[in-house]
C-alpha cells in the first residue's frame, strides 16, 4: 500500500505539498 502511494506520488506531476498533506494523515492513521 505504501509502495503504491509512493510510486504514484513520484510518477504523477502533482505538487509535493498536496502529496505530503495526504500522506501525513494516512501515515498517522496507519501507525
PDB file of N, CA and C in Angstrom:
ATOM      1  N   UNK A   1       0.858  -1.202   0.000  1.00  0.00           N
ATOM      2  CA  UNK A   1       0.000   0.000   0.000  1.00  0.00           C
ATOM      3  C   UNK A   1       0.886   1.242   0.000  1.00  0.00           C
ATOM      4  N   UNK A   2       1.814   1.309   0.929  1.00  0.00           N
ATOM      5  CA  UNK A   2       2.708   2.478   0.986  1.00  0.00           C
ATOM      6  C   UNK A   2       3.522   2.583  -0.292  1.00  0.00           C
ATOM      7  N   UNK A   3       4.008   1.455  -0.779  1.00  0.00           N
ATOM      8  CA  UNK A   3       4.827   1.481  -2.001  1.00  0.00           C
ATOM      9  C   UNK A   3       4.008   2.025  -3.166  1.00  0.00           C
ATOM     10  N   UNK A   4       2.735   1.621  -3.245  1.00  0.00           N
ATOM     11  CA  UNK A   4       1.890   2.099  -4.341  1.00  0.00           C
ATOM     12  C   UNK A   4       1.729   3.612  -4.261  1.00  0.00           C
ATOM     13  N   UNK A   5       1.483   4.125  -3.066  1.00  0.00           N
ATOM     14  CA  UNK A   5       1.299   5.568  -2.907  1.00  0.00           C
ATOM     15  C   UNK A   5       2.583   6.307  -3.262  1.00  0.00           C
ATOM     16  N   UNK A   6       3.716   5.771  -2.844  1.00  0.00           N
ATOM     17  CA  UNK A   6       4.997   6.427  -3.132  1.00  0.00           C
ATOM     18  C   UNK A   6       5.257   6.425  -4.632  1.00  0.00           C
ATOM     19  N   UNK A   7       5.025   5.287  -5.274  1.00  0.00           N
ATOM     20  CA  UNK A   7       5.255   5.182  -6.721  1.00  0.00           C
ATOM     21  C   UNK A   7       4.328   6.154  -7.449  1.00  0.00           C
ATOM     22  N   UNK A   8       3.071   6.224  -7.029  1.00  0.00           N
ATOM     23  CA  UNK A   8       2.122   7.123  -7.684  1.00  0.00           C
ATOM     24  C   UNK A   8       2.552   8.572  -7.466  1.00  0.00           C
ATOM     25  N   UNK A   9       2.995   8.888  -6.260  1.00  0.00           N
ATOM     26  CA  UNK A   9       3.423  10.260  -5.958  1.00  0.00           C
ATOM     27  C   UNK A   9       4.620  10.647  -6.807  1.00  0.00           C
ATOM     28  N   UNK A  10       5.557   9.732  -6.963  1.00  0.00           N
ATOM     29  CA  UNK A  10       6.755  10.052  -7.744  1.00  0.00           C
ATOM     30  C   UNK A  10       6.422  10.114  -9.230  1.00  0.00           C
ATOM     31  N   UNK A  11       5.495   9.261  -9.673  1.00  0.00           N
ATOM     32  CA  UNK A  11       5.168   9.198 -11.100  1.00  0.00           C
ATOM     33  C   UNK A  11       4.288  10.370 -11.525  1.00  0.00           C
ATOM     34  N   UNK A  12       3.334  10.749 -10.684  1.00  0.00           N
ATOM     35  CA  UNK A  12       2.424  11.833 -11.056  1.00  0.00           C
ATOM     36  C   UNK A  12       3.096  13.190 -10.846  1.00  0.00           C
ATOM     37  N   UNK A  13       2.745  14.172 -11.691  1.00  0.00           N
ATOM     38  CA  UNK A  13       3.328  15.511 -11.591  1.00  0.00           C
ATOM     39  C   UNK A  13       2.600  16.385 -10.575  1.00  0.00           C
ATOM     40  N   UNK A  14       1.881  15.778  -9.654  1.00  0.00           N
ATOM     41  CA  UNK A  14       1.137  16.562  -8.675  1.00  0.00           C
ATOM     42  C   UNK A  14       2.097  17.276  -7.732  1.00  0.00           C
ATOM     43  N   UNK A  15       1.697  18.418  -7.174  1.00  0.00           N
ATOM     44  CA  UNK A  15       2.571  19.176  -6.269  1.00  0.00           C
ATOM     45  C   UNK A  15       2.948  18.335  -5.055  1.00  0.00           C
ATOM     46  N   UNK A  16       4.189  18.458  -4.613  1.00  0.00           N
ATOM     47  CA  UNK A  16       4.655  17.685  -3.459  1.00  0.00           C
ATOM     48  C   UNK A  16       3.876  18.089  -2.202  1.00  0.00           C
ATOM     49  N   UNK A  17       3.434  19.343  -2.141  1.00  0.00           N
ATOM     50  CA  UNK A  17       2.703  19.803  -0.958  1.00  0.00           C
ATOM     51  C   UNK A  17       1.444  18.963  -0.762  1.00  0.00           C
ATOM     52  N   UNK A  18       0.665  18.780  -1.842  1.00  0.00           N
ATOM     53  CA  UNK A  18      -0.567  18.003  -1.724  1.00  0.00           C
ATOM     54  C   UNK A  18      -0.246  16.567  -1.317  1.00  0.00           C
ATOM     55  N   UNK A  19       0.803  16.004  -1.895  1.00  0.00           N
ATOM     56  CA  UNK A  19       1.170  14.618  -1.578  1.00  0.00           C
ATOM     57  C   UNK A  19       1.513  14.510  -0.091  1.00  0.00           C
ATOM     58  N   UNK A  20       2.283  15.457   0.421  1.00  0.00           N
ATOM     59  CA  UNK A  20       2.672  15.415   1.831  1.00  0.00           C
ATOM     60  C   UNK A  20       1.441  15.526   2.726  1.00  0.00           C
ATOM     61  N   UNK A  21       0.554  16.455   2.401  1.00  0.00           N
ATOM     62  CA  UNK A  21      -0.649  16.654   3.219  1.00  0.00           C
ATOM     63  C   UNK A  21      -1.484  15.381   3.229  1.00  0.00           C
ATOM     64  N   UNK A  22      -1.541  14.683   2.089  1.00  0.00           N
ATOM     65  CA  UNK A  22      -2.338  13.449   2.008  1.00  0.00           C
ATOM     66  C   UNK A  22      -1.618  12.310   2.725  1.00  0.00           C
ATOM     67  N   UNK A  23      -0.293  12.267   2.616  1.00  0.00           N
ATOM     68  CA  UNK A  23       0.471  11.167   3.210  1.00  0.00           C
ATOM     69  C   UNK A  23       0.528  11.286   4.735  1.00  0.00           C
ATOM     70  N   UNK A  24       0.649  12.487   5.254  1.00  0.00           N
ATOM     71  CA  UNK A  24       0.799  12.649   6.705  1.00  0.00           C
ATOM     72  C   UNK A  24      -0.359  12.001   7.479  1.00  0.00           C
ATOM     73  N   UNK A  25      -1.612  12.349   7.190  1.00  0.00           N
ATOM     74  CA  UNK A  25      -2.736  11.726   7.917  1.00  0.00           C
ATOM     75  C   UNK A  25      -2.809  10.230   7.648  1.00  0.00           C
ATOM     76  N   UNK A  26      -2.491   9.804   6.433  1.00  0.00           N
ATOM     77  CA  UNK A  26      -2.538   8.376   6.100  1.00  0.00           C
ATOM     78  C   UNK A  26      -1.531   7.622   6.963  1.00  0.00           C
ATOM     79  N   UNK A  27      -0.326   8.167   7.092  1.00  0.00           N
ATOM     80  CA  UNK A  27       0.712   7.520   7.906  1.00  0.00           C
ATOM     81  C   UNK A  27       0.294   7.538   9.375  1.00  0.00           C
ATOM     82  N   UNK A  28      -0.256   8.643   9.829  1.00  0.00           N
ATOM     83  CA  UNK A  28      -0.666   8.748  11.229  1.00  0.00           C
ATOM     84  C   UNK A  28      -1.732   7.695  11.533  1.00  0.00           C
ATOM     85  N   UNK A  29      -2.672   7.512  10.626  1.00  0.00           N
ATOM     86  CA  UNK A  29      -3.735   6.522  10.841  1.00  0.00           C
ATOM     87  C   UNK A  29      -3.140   5.120  10.832  1.00  0.00           C
ATOM     88  N   UNK A  30      -2.220   4.864   9.901  1.00  0.00           N
ATOM     89  CA  UNK A  30      -1.623   3.525   9.813  1.00  0.00           C
ATOM     90  C   UNK A  30      -0.829   3.216  11.083  1.00  0.00           C
ATOM     91  N   UNK A  31      -0.156   4.222  11.622  1.00  0.00           N
ATOM     92  CA  UNK A  31       0.621   3.999  12.844  1.00  0.00           C
ATOM     93  C   UNK A  31      -0.330   3.744  14.015  1.00  0.00           C
TER      94      UNK A  31
END
